[in-house]
Amino acid sequence: MASVELQDVVKHYGDASVVNRVSLSVQDGEFLTLLGPSGCGKTTCLRMVAGFVTPDSGSIRIAGQDVTRVPAYRRDTGMVFQQYALFPHLSVAQNLAFGLQLRKIRRQDIRHRVDDALERIRLPGYGHRYPDELSGGQKQRVALARALILSPRVLLLDEPLGALDQKLREELQQEIKRIQKEVGVTTIFVTHDQNEALSLSDRVVVMRHGGIVQIGSPKTLYDRPVDHYVASFIGKINFLPVRAQRDTAQGGWFVNRPGHTTQWRVLTNTEYQPGQDQLSLLALRPERIELGAGLPNQIMGRVEQVTYAGDGWLLDVRADDDLRIVVKVHNRSTPVSGENVTLSWRHEDAVLLPGEAAA
């Protein structure tokens, strides 16, 4: 049974359609991320699951029960916000105990559960401190523990790391993943950060204009995006305008740039159907391109700029027709600006996408 189900959910604010017929199933124990830019509907979907927003139509089920009109406090969910939402006048232990006290849990049991929660978030001995005595990362850990201490069926996280610096964000990403796996709680995470989504999730839901564009594992979305929007939103990528012709003998596609006779092969997107007389896009990740003519598909170019990227070098290469290709290399010896280079890639490392989405 799916742990959370949204069926044809719609939400309007005035004349604006914020969520448009979204259907989604989240499996028991799954870590699922809603990813997209501001205004795409991801937070509204999360708040509808939480019970803070009521859909105009459609239904929401948790563990098979229709909760569409059930108030938030009866939904058995735990919520973590970006701004922590801790009670400033209560100690850490009192913040964690607050929900348990409302449920009339015995005092001795509360003490044990608070101590266990502090151990889980690696803050033992911090129970006597107050929120203003904690760092941002410590506050977010306490907020996570407070959401989990009630053993909710579903954990909801609304951009919980958005207020933290990059290094701390990366540390807490691993903490959240560790704790989620230990507890085994079904989790829905909202973010606009692609790296966060890729590193944390079992599956990612890419949203745009209130709807779902693609759902898949992080690897599927990165390697096999369905269109220009998903490909460009997740990671760096090159788009080369091409004309496509099916390879009926061996499968896949032959493609060539308009006005050029050199053909490249593509072994992915076998179900793709280009429109008549329509340009397609060859999508190619910078790290999948190699320097030299060692791989089957090749193009010549001139290095215009070399940028150090920490874990490698980014080369800005210009081919003829002013075509720009970005290449990421890890070689210790790197071409310099002005040098002519050959770029090559494997048949299976390129993806063929509809061209009309590029506008």
Protein backbone atom coordinates (compact mmCIF):
# COMPACT_ATOMS: atom_id res chain seq x y z
CA MET A 1 0.00 0.00 0.00
CA ALA A 2 1.21 3.51 -0.82
CA SER A 3 1.86 5.56 2.29
CA VAL A 4 0.68 8.83 0.72
CA GLU A 5 -1.49 9.28 -2.37
CA LEU A 6 -2.54 12.44 -4.18
CA GLN A 7 -5.24 11.91 -6.80
CA ASP A 8 -6.04 14.67 -9.33
CA VAL A 9 -5.34 17.37 -6.75
CA VAL A 10 -6.14 20.94 -7.81
CA LYS A 11 -5.57 24.23 -5.98
CA HIS A 12 -6.32 27.77 -7.13
CA TYR A 13 -5.61 31.09 -5.47
CA GLY A 14 -7.95 33.52 -7.16
CA ASP A 15 -7.48 33.12 -10.91
CA ALA A 16 -4.04 31.53 -10.52
CA SER A 17 -3.79 27.75 -10.85
CA VAL A 18 -1.10 26.76 -8.33
CA VAL A 19 -1.51 22.97 -8.48
CA ASN A 20 -3.07 21.44 -11.58
CA ARG A 21 -4.37 17.84 -11.37
CA VAL A 22 -1.38 16.36 -9.58
CA SER A 23 -1.46 12.59 -8.98
CA LEU A 24 1.32 10.99 -7.00
CA SER A 25 1.99 7.90 -4.85
CA VAL A 26 4.67 7.79 -2.15
CA GLN A 27 5.64 4.32 -1.00
CA ASP A 28 6.02 3.28 2.62
CA GLY A 29 9.47 4.28 3.91
CA GLU A 30 10.37 6.16 0.72
CA PHE A 31 12.30 9.44 0.65
CA LEU A 32 10.62 11.45 -2.11
CA THR A 33 11.58 14.98 -3.08
CA LEU A 34 9.45 17.62 -4.80
CA LEU A 35 11.87 19.69 -6.87
CA GLY A 36 11.28 22.84 -8.84
CA PRO A 37 11.65 26.64 -8.92
CA SER A 38 9.64 29.03 -6.78
CA GLY A 39 5.98 29.05 -7.74
CA CYS A 40 5.91 25.58 -9.29
CA GLY A 41 3.43 24.22 -6.69
CA LYS A 42 5.74 21.97 -4.66
CA THR A 43 5.21 23.66 -1.28
CA THR A 44 1.45 23.86 -1.83
CA CYS A 45 1.41 20.10 -2.47
CA LEU A 46 3.33 19.52 0.76
CA ARG A 47 1.01 21.77 2.76
CA MET A 48 -2.02 19.96 1.37
CA VAL A 49 -0.58 16.66 2.60
CA ALA A 50 0.05 18.30 5.98
CA GLY A 51 -3.51 19.63 6.15
CA PHE A 52 -2.58 23.31 6.21
CA VAL A 53 -4.15 23.84 2.77
CA THR A 54 -7.36 22.25 1.47
CA PRO A 55 -7.45 21.28 -2.22
CA ASP A 56 -10.22 22.66 -4.40
CA SER A 57 -10.71 19.19 -5.88
CA GLY A 58 -9.09 15.79 -5.83
CA SER A 59 -8.23 13.63 -2.83
CA ILE A 60 -5.36 12.93 -0.44
CA ARG A 61 -4.92 9.59 1.30
CA ILE A 62 -2.50 8.59 4.06
CA ALA A 63 -2.14 4.86 4.73
CA GLY A 64 -5.27 4.25 2.69
CA GLN A 65 -7.42 6.71 4.64
CA ASP A 66 -8.95 9.71 2.90
CA VAL A 67 -7.68 12.74 4.84
CA THR A 68 -8.65 15.43 2.33
CA ARG A 69 -10.92 17.16 4.85
CA VAL A 70 -9.22 15.88 8.02
CA PRO A 71 -7.58 18.65 10.13
CA ALA A 72 -3.79 18.76 10.33
CA TYR A 73 -3.55 17.66 13.98
CA ARG A 74 -5.33 14.38 13.16
CA ARG A 75 -3.22 13.37 10.14
CA ASP A 76 -0.29 11.70 11.94
CA THR A 77 2.33 13.78 10.11
CA GLY A 78 5.42 15.59 11.38
CA MET A 79 6.45 18.90 9.81
CA VAL A 80 9.86 20.58 9.68
CA PHE A 81 9.99 24.20 8.49
CA GLN A 82 12.85 26.29 7.10
CA GLN A 83 12.72 28.69 10.06
CA TYR A 84 12.73 25.94 12.72
CA ALA A 85 9.50 27.13 14.49
CA LEU A 86 10.93 26.28 17.93
CA PHE A 87 9.38 27.84 21.02
CA PRO A 88 12.00 30.40 22.13
CA HIS A 89 10.85 30.41 25.79
CA LEU A 90 11.17 26.64 26.14
CA SER A 91 14.37 24.63 26.52
CA VAL A 92 15.37 22.05 23.95
CA ALA A 93 13.98 19.28 26.14
CA GLN A 94 10.74 21.18 26.68
CA ASN A 95 10.39 21.76 22.93
CA LEU A 96 10.79 18.05 22.30
CA ALA A 97 8.42 17.11 25.12
CA PHE A 98 5.66 19.55 24.12
CA GLY A 99 3.76 17.27 21.74
CA LEU A 100 4.15 14.27 24.04
CA GLN A 101 2.64 16.23 26.91
CA LEU A 102 -0.36 17.13 24.80
CA ARG A 103 -0.87 13.42 24.18
CA LYS A 104 -0.81 12.75 27.95
CA ILE A 105 2.28 10.53 27.76
CA ARG A 106 3.66 9.56 31.17
CA ARG A 107 6.40 11.84 32.47
CA GLN A 108 8.94 9.02 32.79
CA ASP A 109 8.29 7.89 29.21
CA ILE A 110 8.62 11.47 28.00
CA ARG A 111 12.03 11.75 29.65
CA HIS A 112 13.24 8.57 27.97
CA ARG A 113 11.94 9.59 24.55
CA VAL A 114 13.51 13.05 24.82
CA ASP A 115 16.86 11.52 25.78
CA ASP A 116 16.62 9.06 22.88
CA ALA A 117 15.75 11.86 20.47
CA LEU A 118 18.77 13.91 21.57
CA GLU A 119 21.03 10.89 21.09
CA ARG A 120 19.61 10.30 17.61
CA ILE A 121 20.39 13.85 16.49
CA ARG A 122 23.79 13.71 18.21
CA LEU A 123 23.02 16.44 20.72
CA PRO A 124 23.12 14.57 24.07
CA GLY A 125 23.32 16.93 27.02
CA TYR A 126 21.73 19.83 25.12
CA GLY A 127 18.28 19.45 26.71
CA HIS A 128 18.76 22.35 29.13
CA ARG A 129 19.75 24.84 26.43
CA TYR A 130 17.39 27.33 24.80
CA PRO A 131 17.01 27.90 21.04
CA ASP A 132 18.92 31.19 21.09
CA GLU A 133 21.92 29.28 22.52
CA LEU A 134 22.06 26.95 19.52
CA SER A 135 23.61 27.31 16.08
CA GLY A 136 21.42 27.20 12.99
CA GLY A 137 22.35 23.58 12.33
CA GLN A 138 21.62 22.57 15.92
CA LYS A 139 18.23 24.29 15.78
CA GLN A 140 17.33 22.39 12.64
CA ARG A 141 18.34 19.09 14.25
CA VAL A 142 16.08 19.86 17.20
CA ALA A 143 13.23 20.76 14.83
CA LEU A 144 13.73 17.42 13.06
CA ALA A 145 13.76 15.55 16.38
CA ARG A 146 10.60 17.32 17.51
CA ALA A 147 8.81 16.22 14.34
CA LEU A 148 9.97 12.61 14.75
CA ILE A 149 9.46 12.20 18.49
CA LEU A 150 5.73 11.62 17.98
CA SER A 151 6.52 8.72 15.59
CA PRO A 152 4.52 10.18 12.68
CA ARG A 153 3.51 8.05 9.75
CA VAL A 154 4.77 10.73 7.34
CA LEU A 155 7.59 13.26 7.75
CA LEU A 156 7.23 16.51 5.77
CA LEU A 157 10.18 18.85 5.25
CA ASP A 158 9.67 22.28 3.68
CA GLU A 159 13.11 23.49 2.48
CA PRO A 160 14.52 22.84 5.97
CA LEU A 161 18.12 23.67 5.01
CA GLY A 162 17.44 26.84 3.05
CA ALA A 163 18.68 29.20 5.78
CA LEU A 164 22.03 27.43 6.29
CA ASP A 165 25.41 27.95 4.63
CA GLN A 166 26.59 25.45 2.02
CA LYS A 167 28.97 23.43 4.20
CA LEU A 168 26.40 23.04 6.98
CA ARG A 169 23.71 22.17 4.44
CA GLU A 170 25.81 19.32 3.12
CA GLU A 171 26.48 18.01 6.64
CA LEU A 172 22.79 18.11 7.57
CA GLN A 173 21.77 16.46 4.31
CA GLN A 174 23.67 13.39 5.43
CA GLU A 175 22.20 13.62 8.93
CA ILE A 176 18.66 13.80 7.59
CA LYS A 177 19.26 10.83 5.31
CA ARG A 178 20.83 8.80 8.12
CA ILE A 179 18.00 9.52 10.55
CA GLN A 180 15.30 8.88 7.94
CA LYS A 181 16.77 5.48 7.13
CA GLU A 182 17.16 4.58 10.82
CA VAL A 183 13.55 5.51 11.59
CA GLY A 184 12.16 4.20 8.30
CA VAL A 185 9.58 6.99 8.10
CA THR A 186 7.94 7.93 4.79
CA THR A 187 9.38 11.34 3.90
CA ILE A 188 8.35 14.10 1.49
CA PHE A 189 11.02 16.76 1.07
CA VAL A 190 10.59 20.09 -0.75
CA THR A 191 13.55 21.92 -2.26
CA HIS A 192 14.64 24.01 -5.22
CA ASP A 193 18.23 22.77 -4.81
CA GLN A 194 19.03 20.10 -7.40
CA ASN A 195 22.08 18.79 -5.53
CA GLU A 196 20.01 18.32 -2.39
CA ALA A 197 17.39 16.40 -4.34
CA LEU A 198 19.92 14.14 -6.04
CA SER A 199 21.87 13.31 -2.88
CA LEU A 200 18.90 12.65 -0.56
CA SER A 201 16.13 11.07 -2.56
CA ASP A 202 14.94 7.63 -3.52
CA ARG A 203 12.81 9.36 -6.17
CA VAL A 204 12.51 12.94 -7.34
CA VAL A 205 9.39 14.67 -8.68
CA VAL A 206 10.27 17.56 -10.99
CA MET A 207 7.49 20.15 -11.06
CA ARG A 208 6.67 23.10 -13.29
CA HIS A 209 3.66 25.43 -13.50
CA GLY A 210 1.70 23.39 -10.95
CA GLY A 211 2.19 20.03 -12.66
CA ILE A 212 4.57 17.09 -12.69
CA VAL A 213 7.07 16.96 -15.56
CA GLN A 214 8.99 13.81 -14.64
CA ILE A 215 9.27 11.33 -11.76
CA GLY A 216 12.24 9.03 -11.34
CA SER A 217 15.33 8.08 -9.42
CA PRO A 218 18.06 10.74 -9.23
CA LYS A 219 20.12 8.75 -11.74
CA THR A 220 17.21 8.45 -14.17
CA LEU A 221 16.49 12.16 -14.08
CA TYR A 222 20.14 13.03 -14.54
CA ASP A 223 20.91 10.51 -17.28
CA ARG A 224 17.53 10.31 -19.04
CA PRO A 225 15.61 13.60 -18.71
CA VAL A 226 12.39 13.73 -20.72
CA ASP A 227 12.76 17.28 -22.00
CA HIS A 228 14.83 20.45 -22.09
CA TYR A 229 13.35 21.76 -18.84
CA VAL A 230 14.32 18.74 -16.73
CA ALA A 231 17.71 18.40 -18.41
CA SER A 232 18.64 22.04 -17.80
CA PHE A 233 17.20 22.18 -14.27
CA ILE A 234 19.26 19.24 -13.04
CA GLY A 235 22.98 19.78 -13.54
CA LYS A 236 25.00 21.41 -16.31
CA ILE A 237 24.29 20.20 -19.82
CA ASN A 238 24.98 21.06 -23.47
CA PHE A 239 22.22 21.28 -26.08
CA LEU A 240 23.16 20.80 -29.73
CA PRO A 241 20.44 21.39 -32.39
CA VAL A 242 20.25 18.34 -34.66
CA ARG A 243 18.08 16.54 -37.16
CA ALA A 244 17.27 12.95 -36.22
CA GLN A 245 16.76 9.86 -38.34
CA ARG A 246 15.97 6.46 -36.88
CA ASP A 247 18.64 3.78 -37.20
CA THR A 248 16.42 0.94 -38.37
CA ALA A 249 19.27 -1.55 -38.61
CA GLN A 250 20.75 -1.32 -35.09
CA GLY A 251 18.26 0.79 -33.16
CA GLY A 252 18.69 4.28 -31.79
CA TRP A 253 19.20 7.33 -33.98
CA PHE A 254 21.50 8.96 -36.46
CA VAL A 255 21.71 12.71 -35.94
CA ASN A 256 23.50 15.51 -37.69
CA ARG A 257 23.70 19.25 -37.23
CA PRO A 258 21.82 21.33 -39.83
CA GLY A 259 24.15 22.09 -42.71
CA HIS A 260 26.68 19.42 -41.68
CA THR A 261 27.16 15.92 -43.06
CA THR A 262 28.94 14.38 -40.04
CA GLN A 263 26.63 11.94 -38.32
CA TRP A 264 26.53 10.98 -34.65
CA ARG A 265 24.73 8.02 -33.14
CA VAL A 266 22.38 8.09 -30.14
CA LEU A 267 21.36 4.85 -28.43
CA THR A 268 18.96 6.37 -25.88
CA ASN A 269 15.38 7.60 -26.18
CA THR A 270 14.33 4.85 -28.56
CA GLU A 271 10.69 5.83 -28.02
CA TYR A 272 11.31 9.43 -29.07
CA GLN A 273 9.29 10.68 -32.06
CA PRO A 274 10.60 13.92 -33.62
CA GLY A 275 8.09 16.08 -35.43
CA GLN A 276 8.27 16.45 -39.19
CA ASP A 277 10.89 19.00 -40.31
CA GLN A 278 11.54 19.78 -36.66
CA LEU A 279 14.93 20.22 -35.04
CA SER A 280 15.67 18.05 -32.03
CA LEU A 281 18.19 18.64 -29.26
CA LEU A 282 21.17 16.45 -28.53
CA ALA A 283 21.73 16.74 -24.76
CA LEU A 284 25.20 15.94 -23.47
CA ARG A 285 26.60 16.33 -19.96
CA PRO A 286 30.00 18.13 -19.76
CA GLU A 287 31.63 15.29 -17.79
CA ARG A 288 30.61 12.71 -20.43
CA ILE A 289 32.75 14.43 -23.06
CA GLU A 290 36.41 13.44 -23.40
CA LEU A 291 39.34 15.26 -24.95
CA GLY A 292 40.76 13.49 -27.97
CA ALA A 293 39.36 11.25 -30.68
CA GLY A 294 39.11 8.11 -28.58
CA LEU A 295 35.31 7.77 -28.65
CA PRO A 296 32.94 7.21 -31.61
CA ASN A 297 31.21 10.62 -31.86
CA GLN A 298 33.50 13.59 -32.47
CA ILE A 299 33.52 17.32 -33.04
CA MET A 300 36.38 19.79 -33.46
CA GLY A 301 36.58 23.07 -31.59
CA ARG A 302 38.74 25.78 -30.11
CA VAL A 303 39.17 26.38 -26.38
CA GLU A 304 37.94 29.88 -25.57
CA GLN A 305 38.15 29.81 -21.79
CA VAL A 306 39.43 27.54 -19.01
CA THR A 307 37.87 27.79 -15.54
CA TYR A 308 39.02 25.98 -12.42
CA ALA A 309 36.05 24.21 -10.75
CA GLY A 310 37.70 22.62 -7.71
CA ASP A 311 37.12 19.02 -8.72
CA GLY A 312 38.20 19.61 -12.29
CA TRP A 313 38.36 22.16 -15.10
CA LEU A 314 35.56 23.61 -17.20
CA LEU A 315 36.50 24.23 -20.80
CA ASP A 316 34.43 26.59 -22.91
CA VAL A 317 34.88 25.25 -26.44
CA ARG A 318 33.62 26.91 -29.61
CA ALA A 319 32.90 24.77 -32.64
CA ASP A 320 31.99 26.21 -36.04
CA ASP A 321 28.68 28.05 -36.40
CA ASP A 322 29.49 29.62 -33.02
CA LEU A 323 28.31 26.47 -31.24
CA ARG A 324 29.37 26.54 -27.57
CA ILE A 325 30.17 23.29 -25.75
CA VAL A 326 31.16 23.09 -22.09
CA VAL A 327 33.47 20.21 -21.16
CA LYS A 328 34.47 19.12 -17.66
CA VAL A 329 37.83 17.38 -17.40
CA HIS A 330 39.88 16.06 -14.48
CA ASN A 331 43.20 15.90 -16.30
CA ARG A 332 46.16 17.46 -14.56
CA SER A 333 47.37 18.74 -17.92
CA THR A 334 44.61 20.92 -19.34
CA PRO A 335 44.38 22.72 -22.72
CA VAL A 336 44.91 26.46 -22.69
CA SER A 337 42.81 29.17 -24.30
CA GLY A 338 43.23 29.26 -28.05
CA GLU A 339 44.15 25.57 -28.41
CA ASN A 340 42.35 23.43 -30.98
CA VAL A 341 40.84 20.26 -29.53
CA THR A 342 38.84 17.22 -30.55
CA LEU A 343 35.87 16.33 -28.34
CA SER A 344 34.35 12.85 -28.32
CA TRP A 345 31.66 10.86 -26.53
CA ARG A 346 29.99 7.45 -26.47
CA HIS A 347 26.75 6.63 -28.28
CA GLU A 348 24.95 5.94 -24.99
CA ASP A 349 26.04 9.15 -23.26
CA ALA A 350 23.84 11.52 -25.29
CA VAL A 351 20.08 11.99 -25.02
CA LEU A 352 17.74 13.08 -27.81
CA LEU A 353 15.09 15.57 -26.70
CA PRO A 354 12.25 17.54 -28.31
CA GLY A 355 13.51 20.76 -29.78
CA GLU A 356 10.41 22.91 -29.25
CA ALA A 357 10.92 22.97 -25.44
CA ALA A 358 14.15 24.88 -25.77
CA ALA A 359 12.47 28.21 -26.45
